[in-house]
Amino acid sequence: MMSDRIGKAIKVVVKRANHEMAILTVIPEEANPDM
């Protein structure tokens, strides 16, 4: 449920901001382990 929304939000942010910081703002919890 949340994964679907997060995936869509990331795609939108990446296409709009095209930055990694934007993605971290959308899902800081998922990006935490990535960093």
PDB file of N, CA and C in Angstrom:
ATOM      1  N   MET A   1       0.836  -1.197   0.000  1.00  0.00           N
ATOM      2  CA  MET A   1       0.000   0.000   0.000  1.00  0.00           C
ATOM      3  C   MET A   1       0.881   1.261   0.000  1.00  0.00           C
ATOM      4  N   MET A   2       1.708   1.376   1.006  1.00  0.00           N
ATOM      5  CA  MET A   2       2.575   2.573   1.090  1.00  0.00           C
ATOM      6  C   MET A   2       3.680   2.503   0.034  1.00  0.00           C
ATOM      7  N   SER A   3       4.138   1.306  -0.225  1.00  0.00           N
ATOM      8  CA  SER A   3       5.218   1.132  -1.217  1.00  0.00           C
ATOM      9  C   SER A   3       4.767   1.669  -2.568  1.00  0.00           C
ATOM     10  N   ASP A   4       3.533   1.404  -2.920  1.00  0.00           N
ATOM     11  CA  ASP A   4       3.009   1.865  -4.219  1.00  0.00           C
ATOM     12  C   ASP A   4       3.016   3.391  -4.269  1.00  0.00           C
ATOM     13  N   ARG A   5       2.596   3.998  -3.190  1.00  0.00           N
ATOM     14  CA  ARG A   5       2.529   5.474  -3.146  1.00  0.00           C
ATOM     15  C   ARG A   5       3.955   6.040  -3.138  1.00  0.00           C
ATOM     16  N   ILE A   6       4.832   5.434  -2.404  1.00  0.00           N
ATOM     17  CA  ILE A   6       6.216   5.924  -2.311  1.00  0.00           C
ATOM     18  C   ILE A   6       6.890   5.843  -3.681  1.00  0.00           C
ATOM     19  N   GLY A   7       6.728   4.710  -4.341  1.00  0.00           N
ATOM     20  CA  GLY A   7       7.332   4.534  -5.670  1.00  0.00           C
ATOM     21  C   GLY A   7       6.843   5.603  -6.633  1.00  0.00           C
ATOM     22  N   LYS A   8       5.569   5.893  -6.588  1.00  0.00           N
ATOM     23  CA  LYS A   8       5.014   6.902  -7.517  1.00  0.00           C
ATOM     24  C   LYS A   8       5.527   8.286  -7.139  1.00  0.00           C
ATOM     25  N   ALA A   9       5.617   8.556  -5.856  1.00  0.00           N
ATOM     26  CA  ALA A   9       6.076   9.872  -5.386  1.00  0.00           C
ATOM     27  C   ALA A   9       7.534  10.080  -5.793  1.00  0.00           C
ATOM     28  N   ILE A  10       8.335   9.051  -5.654  1.00  0.00           N
ATOM     29  CA  ILE A  10       9.759   9.168  -6.003  1.00  0.00           C
ATOM     30  C   ILE A  10       9.897   9.479  -7.489  1.00  0.00           C
ATOM     31  N   LYS A  11       9.141   8.782  -8.310  1.00  0.00           N
ATOM     32  CA  LYS A  11       9.233   8.998  -9.770  1.00  0.00           C
ATOM     33  C   LYS A  11       8.873  10.444 -10.094  1.00  0.00           C
ATOM     34  N   VAL A  12       7.877  10.954  -9.429  1.00  0.00           N
ATOM     35  CA  VAL A  12       7.450  12.337  -9.692  1.00  0.00           C
ATOM     36  C   VAL A  12       8.528  13.315  -9.235  1.00  0.00           C
ATOM     37  N   VAL A  13       9.062  13.081  -8.071  1.00  0.00           N
ATOM     38  CA  VAL A  13      10.095  13.979  -7.530  1.00  0.00           C
ATOM     39  C   VAL A  13      11.352  13.917  -8.394  1.00  0.00           C
ATOM     40  N   VAL A  14      11.736  12.725  -8.766  1.00  0.00           N
ATOM     41  CA  VAL A  14      12.956  12.563  -9.568  1.00  0.00           C
ATOM     42  C   VAL A  14      12.791  13.266 -10.912  1.00  0.00           C
ATOM     43  N   LYS A  15      11.623  13.144 -11.500  1.00  0.00           N
ATOM     44  CA  LYS A  15      11.396  13.783 -12.817  1.00  0.00           C
ATOM     45  C   LYS A  15      11.307  15.300 -12.663  1.00  0.00           C
ATOM     46  N   ARG A  16      10.808  15.736 -11.533  1.00  0.00           N
ATOM     47  CA  ARG A  16      10.626  17.183 -11.317  1.00  0.00           C
ATOM     48  C   ARG A  16      11.930  17.817 -10.798  1.00  0.00           C
ATOM     49  N   ALA A  17      12.514  17.217  -9.793  1.00  0.00           N
ATOM     50  CA  ALA A  17      13.729  17.799  -9.199  1.00  0.00           C
ATOM     51  C   ALA A  17      14.980  17.178  -9.810  1.00  0.00           C
ATOM     52  N   ASN A  18      14.881  15.879 -10.156  1.00  0.00           N
ATOM     53  CA  ASN A  18      16.055  15.208 -10.746  1.00  0.00           C
ATOM     54  C   ASN A  18      17.229  15.293  -9.775  1.00  0.00           C
ATOM     55  N   HIS A  19      16.935  15.124  -8.505  1.00  0.00           N
ATOM     56  CA  HIS A  19      17.986  15.216  -7.480  1.00  0.00           C
ATOM     57  C   HIS A  19      17.786  14.135  -6.429  1.00  0.00           C
ATOM     58  N   GLU A  20      18.849  13.714  -5.819  1.00  0.00           N
ATOM     59  CA  GLU A  20      18.731  12.684  -4.778  1.00  0.00           C
ATOM     60  C   GLU A  20      18.131  13.281  -3.496  1.00  0.00           C
ATOM     61  N   MET A  21      18.397  14.548  -3.258  1.00  0.00           N
ATOM     62  CA  MET A  21      17.873  15.193  -2.044  1.00  0.00           C
ATOM     63  C   MET A  21      16.351  15.189  -2.071  1.00  0.00           C
ATOM     64  N   ALA A  22      15.787  15.377  -3.249  1.00  0.00           N
ATOM     65  CA  ALA A  22      14.321  15.399  -3.371  1.00  0.00           C
ATOM     66  C   ALA A  22      13.757  14.053  -2.948  1.00  0.00           C
ATOM     67  N   ILE A  23      14.395  12.986  -3.385  1.00  0.00           N
ATOM     68  CA  ILE A  23      13.917  11.641  -3.034  1.00  0.00           C
ATOM     69  C   ILE A  23      14.000  11.443  -1.518  1.00  0.00           C
ATOM     70  N   LEU A  24      15.073  11.917  -0.918  1.00  0.00           N
ATOM     71  CA  LEU A  24      15.255  11.736   0.529  1.00  0.00           C
ATOM     72  C   LEU A  24      14.142  12.475   1.286  1.00  0.00           C
ATOM     73  N   THR A  25      13.681  13.554   0.702  1.00  0.00           N
ATOM     74  CA  THR A  25      12.620  14.320   1.359  1.00  0.00           C
ATOM     75  C   THR A  25      11.300  13.570   1.281  1.00  0.00           C
ATOM     76  N   VAL A  26      11.124  12.807   0.209  1.00  0.00           N
ATOM     77  CA  VAL A  26       9.860  12.072   0.029  1.00  0.00           C
ATOM     78  C   VAL A  26       9.829  10.858   0.942  1.00  0.00           C
ATOM     79  N   ILE A  27      10.938  10.112   0.967  1.00  0.00           N
ATOM     80  CA  ILE A  27      10.973   8.909   1.813  1.00  0.00           C
ATOM     81  C   ILE A  27      12.279   8.861   2.612  1.00  0.00           C
ATOM     82  N   PRO A  28      12.387   9.681   3.636  1.00  0.00           N
ATOM     83  CA  PRO A  28      13.610   9.719   4.451  1.00  0.00           C
ATOM     84  C   PRO A  28      13.846   8.386   5.153  1.00  0.00           C
ATOM     85  N   GLU A  29      12.768   7.683   5.461  1.00  0.00           N
ATOM     86  CA  GLU A  29      12.913   6.391   6.153  1.00  0.00           C
ATOM     87  C   GLU A  29      13.509   5.354   5.212  1.00  0.00           C
ATOM     88  N   GLU A  30      13.090   5.361   3.955  1.00  0.00           N
ATOM     89  CA  GLU A  30      13.604   4.364   2.994  1.00  0.00           C
ATOM     90  C   GLU A  30      15.005   4.763   2.527  1.00  0.00           C
ATOM     91  N   ALA A  31      15.284   6.044   2.501  1.00  0.00           N
ATOM     92  CA  ALA A  31      16.586   6.510   2.017  1.00  0.00           C
ATOM     93  C   ALA A  31      17.628   6.394   3.135  1.00  0.00           C
ATOM     94  N   ASN A  32      17.185   6.311   4.353  1.00  0.00           N
ATOM     95  CA  ASN A  32      18.107   6.217   5.495  1.00  0.00           C
ATOM     96  C   ASN A  32      19.072   5.044   5.330  1.00  0.00           C
ATOM     97  N   PRO A  33      18.584   3.844   5.114  1.00  0.00           N
ATOM     98  CA  PRO A  33      19.468   2.676   4.953  1.00  0.00           C
ATOM     99  C   PRO A  33      20.301   2.778   3.684  1.00  0.00           C
ATOM    100  N   ASP A  34      19.796   3.484   2.693  1.00  0.00           N
ATOM    101  CA  ASP A  34      20.531   3.624   1.429  1.00  0.00           C
ATOM    102  C   ASP A  34      21.820   4.412   1.659  1.00  0.00           C
ATOM    103  N   MET A  35      21.753   5.398   2.546  1.00  0.00           N
ATOM    104  CA  MET A  35      22.927   6.239   2.810  1.00  0.00           C
ATOM    105  C   MET A  35      23.841   5.523   3.787  1.00  0.00           C
TER     106      MET A  35
END
